[in-house]
Amino acid sequence: MNLRFKSAAGENILPHILNGSGTALARLFVALIETHQQADGSVKIPQPLQPYLKTDCIKP
């Protein structure tokens, strides 16, 4: 997307993405479910993501 904005000093700055616009978050969620879904319908959360989601499993 190469999105930038000008600061008050006139320099070009890359903005932080707060709401996920312009990212592939929806595809990431689909890949997570496809890869980690269990036979009972639950989704096991990978270890690196557990601190962010505050759980190790999403129940069906």
N, C-alpha and C. Protein backbone atom coordinates (compact mmCIF):
# COMPACT_ATOMS: atom_id res chain seq x y z
N MET A 1 0.83 -1.18 0.00
CA MET A 1 0.00 0.00 0.00
C MET A 1 0.88 1.25 0.00
N ASN A 2 2.06 1.18 0.61
CA ASN A 2 3.01 2.28 0.63
C ASN A 2 2.38 3.57 1.17
N LEU A 3 1.53 3.44 2.19
CA LEU A 3 0.84 4.57 2.80
C LEU A 3 1.80 5.39 3.65
N ARG A 4 1.76 6.69 3.52
CA ARG A 4 2.61 7.61 4.29
C ARG A 4 1.82 8.86 4.62
N PHE A 5 2.30 9.59 5.61
CA PHE A 5 1.71 10.90 5.89
C PHE A 5 2.83 11.86 6.25
N LYS A 6 2.56 13.14 6.11
CA LYS A 6 3.55 14.16 6.43
C LYS A 6 3.36 14.63 7.86
N SER A 7 4.46 14.66 8.61
CA SER A 7 4.41 15.15 9.98
C SER A 7 4.38 16.68 9.96
N ALA A 8 4.22 17.27 11.13
CA ALA A 8 4.22 18.73 11.22
C ALA A 8 5.55 19.32 10.73
N ALA A 9 6.62 18.54 10.87
CA ALA A 9 7.93 19.00 10.43
C ALA A 9 8.14 18.80 8.93
N GLY A 10 7.17 18.16 8.26
CA GLY A 10 7.25 17.96 6.81
C GLY A 10 7.91 16.67 6.37
N GLU A 11 8.23 15.78 7.30
CA GLU A 11 8.85 14.52 6.92
C GLU A 11 7.79 13.45 6.65
N ASN A 12 8.07 12.57 5.69
CA ASN A 12 7.16 11.47 5.37
C ASN A 12 7.34 10.36 6.41
N ILE A 13 6.22 9.88 6.96
CA ILE A 13 6.24 8.85 8.00
C ILE A 13 5.27 7.74 7.61
N LEU A 14 5.69 6.49 7.87
CA LEU A 14 4.79 5.35 7.67
C LEU A 14 3.89 5.24 8.90
N PRO A 15 2.57 5.23 8.73
CA PRO A 15 1.67 5.16 9.89
C PRO A 15 1.62 3.74 10.46
N HIS A 16 1.29 3.64 11.74
CA HIS A 16 1.03 2.35 12.36
C HIS A 16 -0.37 1.91 11.96
N ILE A 17 -0.56 0.62 11.81
CA ILE A 17 -1.87 0.10 11.44
C ILE A 17 -2.56 -0.37 12.71
N LEU A 18 -3.62 0.31 13.12
CA LEU A 18 -4.30 -0.01 14.37
C LEU A 18 -5.48 -0.95 14.18
N ASN A 19 -6.18 -0.84 13.08
CA ASN A 19 -7.41 -1.60 12.91
C ASN A 19 -7.29 -2.74 11.89
N GLY A 20 -6.11 -2.98 11.36
CA GLY A 20 -5.92 -4.08 10.43
C GLY A 20 -6.28 -3.76 8.99
N SER A 21 -6.65 -2.53 8.70
CA SER A 21 -6.98 -2.19 7.32
C SER A 21 -5.72 -2.29 6.47
N GLY A 22 -5.86 -2.86 5.31
CA GLY A 22 -4.72 -3.02 4.41
C GLY A 22 -3.84 -4.20 4.77
N THR A 23 -4.29 -5.06 5.65
CA THR A 23 -3.52 -6.25 6.02
C THR A 23 -4.33 -7.50 5.70
N ALA A 24 -3.71 -8.64 5.81
CA ALA A 24 -4.37 -9.90 5.47
C ALA A 24 -4.86 -10.61 6.72
N LEU A 25 -5.45 -9.90 7.67
CA LEU A 25 -5.89 -10.52 8.92
C LEU A 25 -6.96 -11.58 8.70
N ALA A 26 -7.86 -11.34 7.77
CA ALA A 26 -8.91 -12.34 7.51
C ALA A 26 -8.30 -13.64 7.00
N ARG A 27 -7.31 -13.54 6.11
CA ARG A 27 -6.66 -14.75 5.60
C ARG A 27 -5.86 -15.45 6.69
N LEU A 28 -5.26 -14.69 7.59
CA LEU A 28 -4.52 -15.29 8.69
C LEU A 28 -5.46 -16.10 9.58
N PHE A 29 -6.64 -15.56 9.87
CA PHE A 29 -7.61 -16.26 10.71
C PHE A 29 -8.07 -17.56 10.04
N VAL A 30 -8.33 -17.52 8.75
CA VAL A 30 -8.75 -18.73 8.02
C VAL A 30 -7.64 -19.77 8.06
N ALA A 31 -6.39 -19.36 7.84
CA ALA A 31 -5.27 -20.30 7.87
C ALA A 31 -5.10 -20.90 9.26
N LEU A 32 -5.31 -20.10 10.29
CA LEU A 32 -5.20 -20.60 11.66
C LEU A 32 -6.24 -21.68 11.93
N ILE A 33 -7.46 -21.44 11.51
CA ILE A 33 -8.53 -22.43 11.71
C ILE A 33 -8.27 -23.69 10.89
N GLU A 34 -7.90 -23.53 9.62
CA GLU A 34 -7.65 -24.70 8.78
C GLU A 34 -6.51 -25.56 9.32
N THR A 35 -5.51 -24.93 9.88
CA THR A 35 -4.33 -25.65 10.34
C THR A 35 -4.50 -26.27 11.72
N HIS A 36 -5.22 -25.60 12.61
CA HIS A 36 -5.24 -26.02 14.01
C HIS A 36 -6.61 -26.48 14.52
N GLN A 37 -7.58 -26.67 13.62
CA GLN A 37 -8.89 -27.14 14.07
C GLN A 37 -8.80 -28.60 14.48
N GLN A 38 -9.43 -28.93 15.60
CA GLN A 38 -9.42 -30.28 16.16
C GLN A 38 -10.69 -31.03 15.72
N ALA A 39 -10.73 -32.33 15.95
CA ALA A 39 -11.87 -33.16 15.53
C ALA A 39 -13.18 -32.73 16.19
N ASP A 40 -13.10 -32.18 17.41
CA ASP A 40 -14.32 -31.77 18.11
C ASP A 40 -14.80 -30.36 17.72
N GLY A 41 -14.09 -29.72 16.77
CA GLY A 41 -14.48 -28.39 16.30
C GLY A 41 -13.73 -27.26 16.99
N SER A 42 -12.99 -27.57 18.04
CA SER A 42 -12.22 -26.53 18.72
C SER A 42 -10.98 -26.18 17.88
N VAL A 43 -10.39 -25.05 18.19
CA VAL A 43 -9.19 -24.61 17.50
C VAL A 43 -8.09 -24.45 18.54
N LYS A 44 -7.02 -25.21 18.39
CA LYS A 44 -5.88 -25.12 19.30
C LYS A 44 -5.02 -23.93 18.88
N ILE A 45 -4.74 -23.03 19.81
CA ILE A 45 -3.98 -21.82 19.53
C ILE A 45 -2.49 -22.13 19.63
N PRO A 46 -1.70 -21.78 18.62
CA PRO A 46 -0.25 -22.02 18.69
C PRO A 46 0.37 -21.26 19.87
N GLN A 47 1.41 -21.85 20.43
CA GLN A 47 2.08 -21.29 21.61
C GLN A 47 2.45 -19.80 21.46
N PRO A 48 3.01 -19.36 20.33
CA PRO A 48 3.39 -17.94 20.22
C PRO A 48 2.21 -16.97 20.27
N LEU A 49 1.00 -17.43 19.93
CA LEU A 49 -0.17 -16.55 19.92
C LEU A 49 -0.94 -16.57 21.24
N GLN A 50 -0.68 -17.53 22.09
CA GLN A 50 -1.45 -17.68 23.34
C GLN A 50 -1.39 -16.46 24.25
N PRO A 51 -0.26 -15.78 24.41
CA PRO A 51 -0.26 -14.59 25.27
C PRO A 51 -1.16 -13.47 24.76
N TYR A 52 -1.34 -13.38 23.45
CA TYR A 52 -2.18 -12.33 22.87
C TYR A 52 -3.66 -12.65 22.97
N LEU A 53 -3.99 -13.94 22.80
CA LEU A 53 -5.38 -14.36 22.85
C LEU A 53 -5.81 -14.75 24.26
N LYS A 54 -4.85 -14.91 25.17
CA LYS A 54 -5.09 -15.25 26.57
C LYS A 54 -5.84 -16.58 26.73
N THR A 55 -5.60 -17.48 25.80
CA THR A 55 -6.19 -18.82 25.87
C THR A 55 -5.34 -19.77 25.04
N ASP A 56 -5.49 -21.07 25.28
CA ASP A 56 -4.76 -22.04 24.47
C ASP A 56 -5.70 -22.78 23.51
N CYS A 57 -7.00 -22.50 23.62
CA CYS A 57 -7.97 -23.21 22.78
C CYS A 57 -9.24 -22.36 22.62
N ILE A 58 -9.80 -22.35 21.42
CA ILE A 58 -11.10 -21.72 21.17
C ILE A 58 -12.10 -22.85 21.06
N LYS A 59 -13.07 -22.86 21.96
CA LYS A 59 -14.04 -23.96 22.00
C LYS A 59 -15.12 -23.77 20.94
N PRO A 60 -15.68 -24.87 20.45
CA PRO A 60 -16.72 -24.78 19.40
C PRO A 60 -18.01 -24.17 19.92
